[in-house]
């Protein structure tokens, strides 16, 4: 099987005049460099919560990384953030204000081993730069 990273917007609504999205990403056959994307977002967004769990596969930990363009690297301005620790489950509540030139958020779970991994990710996003 080939890598599949499926992103869906599970809910979208307005709160305090801002649109909010609860995004769910399910990756199968994921390897260290596998990349997913979520399109249809505004250019200015705030990420409030990033939770990811390695649910199956050869890997033992993940270390998520986010970017604003496809095939980004951590050494460029297209890099948004890298999780501070590696673990089987990540629950990062760091508030990230991001500018997405094309309205697309990119990410890699960066699993430590294998290419047979399944990873479930949930991200809470608000429109604009919020605090």
C-alpha atoms as a PDB file:
ATOM      1  CA  UNK A   1       0.000   0.000   0.000  1.00  0.00           C
ATOM      2  CA  UNK A   2       1.001   3.596  -0.489  1.00  0.00           C
ATOM      3  CA  UNK A   3       0.961   6.446   2.001  1.00  0.00           C
ATOM      4  CA  UNK A   4      -2.387   8.132   2.537  1.00  0.00           C
ATOM      5  CA  UNK A   5      -2.896  11.268   4.608  1.00  0.00           C
ATOM      6  CA  UNK A   6      -6.556  12.202   4.672  1.00  0.00           C
ATOM      7  CA  UNK A   7      -7.557  15.529   6.221  1.00  0.00           C
ATOM      8  CA  UNK A   8     -11.145  16.468   6.962  1.00  0.00           C
ATOM      9  CA  UNK A   9     -12.697  19.502   8.565  1.00  0.00           C
ATOM     10  CA  UNK A  10     -14.841  17.858  11.213  1.00  0.00           C
ATOM     11  CA  UNK A  11     -16.618  21.054  12.240  1.00  0.00           C
ATOM     12  CA  UNK A  12     -16.672  24.676  11.264  1.00  0.00           C
ATOM     13  CA  UNK A  13     -18.463  27.422  13.098  1.00  0.00           C
ATOM     14  CA  UNK A  14     -18.221  30.978  14.295  1.00  0.00           C
ATOM     15  CA  UNK A  15     -17.362  31.932  17.856  1.00  0.00           C
ATOM     16  CA  UNK A  16     -16.788  35.527  18.860  1.00  0.00           C
ATOM     17  CA  UNK A  17     -16.914  36.608  15.216  1.00  0.00           C
ATOM     18  CA  UNK A  18     -14.155  34.178  14.144  1.00  0.00           C
ATOM     19  CA  UNK A  19     -14.496  30.997  12.137  1.00  0.00           C
ATOM     20  CA  UNK A  20     -13.149  27.901  13.880  1.00  0.00           C
ATOM     21  CA  UNK A  21     -12.147  24.526  12.483  1.00  0.00           C
ATOM     22  CA  UNK A  22     -11.618  21.152  14.116  1.00  0.00           C
ATOM     23  CA  UNK A  23      -9.398  19.302  11.661  1.00  0.00           C
ATOM     24  CA  UNK A  24      -8.866  15.547  11.755  1.00  0.00           C
ATOM     25  CA  UNK A  25      -5.994  13.898   9.872  1.00  0.00           C
ATOM     26  CA  UNK A  26      -5.629  10.139   9.550  1.00  0.00           C
ATOM     27  CA  UNK A  27      -2.378   8.824   8.098  1.00  0.00           C
ATOM     28  CA  UNK A  28      -1.827   5.232   6.992  1.00  0.00           C
ATOM     29  CA  UNK A  29       1.420   3.672   5.788  1.00  0.00           C
ATOM     30  CA  UNK A  30       3.215   6.719   7.197  1.00  0.00           C
ATOM     31  CA  UNK A  31       7.028   7.015   7.180  1.00  0.00           C
ATOM     32  CA  UNK A  32       9.350   9.698   8.556  1.00  0.00           C
ATOM     33  CA  UNK A  33       8.972  12.020   5.552  1.00  0.00           C
ATOM     34  CA  UNK A  34       5.260  11.507   4.829  1.00  0.00           C
ATOM     35  CA  UNK A  35       3.480  14.850   4.460  1.00  0.00           C
ATOM     36  CA  UNK A  36      -0.208  15.771   4.779  1.00  0.00           C
ATOM     37  CA  UNK A  37      -1.973  19.029   3.946  1.00  0.00           C
ATOM     38  CA  UNK A  38      -5.156  20.850   4.917  1.00  0.00           C
ATOM     39  CA  UNK A  39      -6.448  23.335   2.339  1.00  0.00           C
ATOM     40  CA  UNK A  40      -9.283  25.818   2.280  1.00  0.00           C
ATOM     41  CA  UNK A  41      -8.053  27.795   5.286  1.00  0.00           C
ATOM     42  CA  UNK A  42      -7.664  31.573   5.407  1.00  0.00           C
ATOM     43  CA  UNK A  43      -4.168  33.022   5.099  1.00  0.00           C
ATOM     44  CA  UNK A  44      -4.074  34.220   8.709  1.00  0.00           C
ATOM     45  CA  UNK A  45      -4.831  31.524  11.283  1.00  0.00           C
ATOM     46  CA  UNK A  46      -4.140  30.678  14.910  1.00  0.00           C
ATOM     47  CA  UNK A  47      -3.527  27.078  15.946  1.00  0.00           C
ATOM     48  CA  UNK A  48      -4.708  26.464  19.515  1.00  0.00           C
ATOM     49  CA  UNK A  49      -4.278  22.723  19.914  1.00  0.00           C
ATOM     50  CA  UNK A  50      -2.298  19.969  18.203  1.00  0.00           C
ATOM     51  CA  UNK A  51      -2.865  16.387  19.341  1.00  0.00           C
ATOM     52  CA  UNK A  52      -1.465  13.340  17.578  1.00  0.00           C
ATOM     53  CA  UNK A  53      -1.231   9.660  18.440  1.00  0.00           C
ATOM     54  CA  UNK A  54       0.763   6.869  16.823  1.00  0.00           C
ATOM     55  CA  UNK A  55      -1.899   4.134  16.854  1.00  0.00           C
ATOM     56  CA  UNK A  56      -0.190   1.284  14.973  1.00  0.00           C
ATOM     57  CA  UNK A  57       2.960   0.284  13.107  1.00  0.00           C
ATOM     58  CA  UNK A  58       6.684  -0.269  13.549  1.00  0.00           C
ATOM     59  CA  UNK A  59       7.330   3.231  14.892  1.00  0.00           C
ATOM     60  CA  UNK A  60       7.607   3.954  18.603  1.00  0.00           C
ATOM     61  CA  UNK A  61       7.445   7.786  18.635  1.00  0.00           C
ATOM     62  CA  UNK A  62       6.395  10.779  16.538  1.00  0.00           C
ATOM     63  CA  UNK A  63       7.772  14.332  16.468  1.00  0.00           C
ATOM     64  CA  UNK A  64       5.341  16.523  14.484  1.00  0.00           C
ATOM     65  CA  UNK A  65       6.455  19.487  12.372  1.00  0.00           C
ATOM     66  CA  UNK A  66       4.291  22.129  10.652  1.00  0.00           C
ATOM     67  CA  UNK A  67       4.930  24.322   7.613  1.00  0.00           C
ATOM     68  CA  UNK A  68       3.299  26.762   5.228  1.00  0.00           C
ATOM     69  CA  UNK A  69       4.377  25.163   1.946  1.00  0.00           C
ATOM     70  CA  UNK A  70       4.861  21.666   0.549  1.00  0.00           C
ATOM     71  CA  UNK A  71       8.226  19.988   1.170  1.00  0.00           C
ATOM     72  CA  UNK A  72       9.246  22.686   3.689  1.00  0.00           C
ATOM     73  CA  UNK A  73      12.344  22.231   5.834  1.00  0.00           C
ATOM     74  CA  UNK A  74      12.970  23.341   9.412  1.00  0.00           C
ATOM     75  CA  UNK A  75      15.786  25.614   8.243  1.00  0.00           C
ATOM     76  CA  UNK A  76      13.548  27.877   6.108  1.00  0.00           C
ATOM     77  CA  UNK A  77      10.938  30.555   6.784  1.00  0.00           C
ATOM     78  CA  UNK A  78       8.256  28.133   5.558  1.00  0.00           C
ATOM     79  CA  UNK A  79       8.723  26.209   8.827  1.00  0.00           C
ATOM     80  CA  UNK A  80       6.060  27.078  11.428  1.00  0.00           C
ATOM     81  CA  UNK A  81       6.878  24.831  14.398  1.00  0.00           C
ATOM     82  CA  UNK A  82       8.367  21.531  15.544  1.00  0.00           C
ATOM     83  CA  UNK A  83       7.053  19.752  18.610  1.00  0.00           C
ATOM     84  CA  UNK A  84       9.415  20.037  21.583  1.00  0.00           C
ATOM     85  CA  UNK A  85       9.448  16.322  22.456  1.00  0.00           C
ATOM     86  CA  UNK A  86       9.032  12.944  20.811  1.00  0.00           C
ATOM     87  CA  UNK A  87       6.388  10.572  22.158  1.00  0.00           C
ATOM     88  CA  UNK A  88       3.721   8.090  21.117  1.00  0.00           C
ATOM     89  CA  UNK A  89       1.078  10.717  21.992  1.00  0.00           C
ATOM     90  CA  UNK A  90       1.515  14.480  21.549  1.00  0.00           C
ATOM     91  CA  UNK A  91      -0.760  17.037  23.227  1.00  0.00           C
ATOM     92  CA  UNK A  92       0.637  20.475  22.385  1.00  0.00           C
ATOM     93  CA  UNK A  93      -1.426  23.483  23.466  1.00  0.00           C
ATOM     94  CA  UNK A  94       1.083  26.094  22.258  1.00  0.00           C
ATOM     95  CA  UNK A  95      -0.700  28.991  20.514  1.00  0.00           C
ATOM     96  CA  UNK A  96       0.761  29.495  17.033  1.00  0.00           C
ATOM     97  CA  UNK A  97      -0.088  32.493  14.870  1.00  0.00           C
ATOM     98  CA  UNK A  98       0.546  31.551  11.250  1.00  0.00           C
ATOM     99  CA  UNK A  99       0.468  33.126   7.818  1.00  0.00           C
ATOM    100  CA  UNK A 100      -0.427  30.562   5.147  1.00  0.00           C
ATOM    101  CA  UNK A 101       0.250  32.142   1.716  1.00  0.00           C
ATOM    102  CA  UNK A 102      -2.015  29.665  -0.117  1.00  0.00           C
ATOM    103  CA  UNK A 103      -4.439  28.911   2.727  1.00  0.00           C
ATOM    104  CA  UNK A 104      -2.922  25.446   3.158  1.00  0.00           C
ATOM    105  CA  UNK A 105      -1.277  24.028   6.282  1.00  0.00           C
ATOM    106  CA  UNK A 106       1.301  21.258   5.776  1.00  0.00           C
ATOM    107  CA  UNK A 107       2.597  18.795   8.324  1.00  0.00           C
ATOM    108  CA  UNK A 108       4.684  15.712   8.923  1.00  0.00           C
ATOM    109  CA  UNK A 109       4.266  13.430  11.929  1.00  0.00           C
ATOM    110  CA  UNK A 110       7.932  12.362  11.610  1.00  0.00           C
ATOM    111  CA  UNK A 111       7.634   8.823  12.917  1.00  0.00           C
ATOM    112  CA  UNK A 112      10.923   7.297  14.094  1.00  0.00           C
ATOM    113  CA  UNK A 113      10.793   3.953  12.246  1.00  0.00           C
ATOM    114  CA  UNK A 114       9.057   2.013   9.510  1.00  0.00           C
ATOM    115  CA  UNK A 115       6.637   2.903   6.748  1.00  0.00           C
ATOM    116  CA  UNK A 116       3.630   0.967   8.062  1.00  0.00           C
ATOM    117  CA  UNK A 117       2.457   3.452  10.685  1.00  0.00           C
ATOM    118  CA  UNK A 118      -1.017   4.789  11.401  1.00  0.00           C
ATOM    119  CA  UNK A 119      -1.287   8.200  13.031  1.00  0.00           C
ATOM    120  CA  UNK A 120      -4.388  10.115  14.116  1.00  0.00           C
ATOM    121  CA  UNK A 121      -4.107  13.900  14.488  1.00  0.00           C
ATOM    122  CA  UNK A 122      -6.523  16.592  15.665  1.00  0.00           C
ATOM    123  CA  UNK A 123      -5.889  20.316  15.244  1.00  0.00           C
ATOM    124  CA  UNK A 124      -8.013  23.228  16.477  1.00  0.00           C
ATOM    125  CA  UNK A 125      -7.679  26.325  14.282  1.00  0.00           C
ATOM    126  CA  UNK A 126      -9.241  29.799  14.439  1.00  0.00           C
ATOM    127  CA  UNK A 127      -9.421  32.403  11.700  1.00  0.00           C
ATOM    128  CA  UNK A 128      -7.145  35.406  12.170  1.00  0.00           C
ATOM    129  CA  UNK A 129      -4.440  36.050  14.725  1.00  0.00           C
ATOM    130  CA  UNK A 130      -5.999  35.387  18.093  1.00  0.00           C
ATOM    131  CA  UNK A 131      -4.565  35.106  21.581  1.00  0.00           C
END
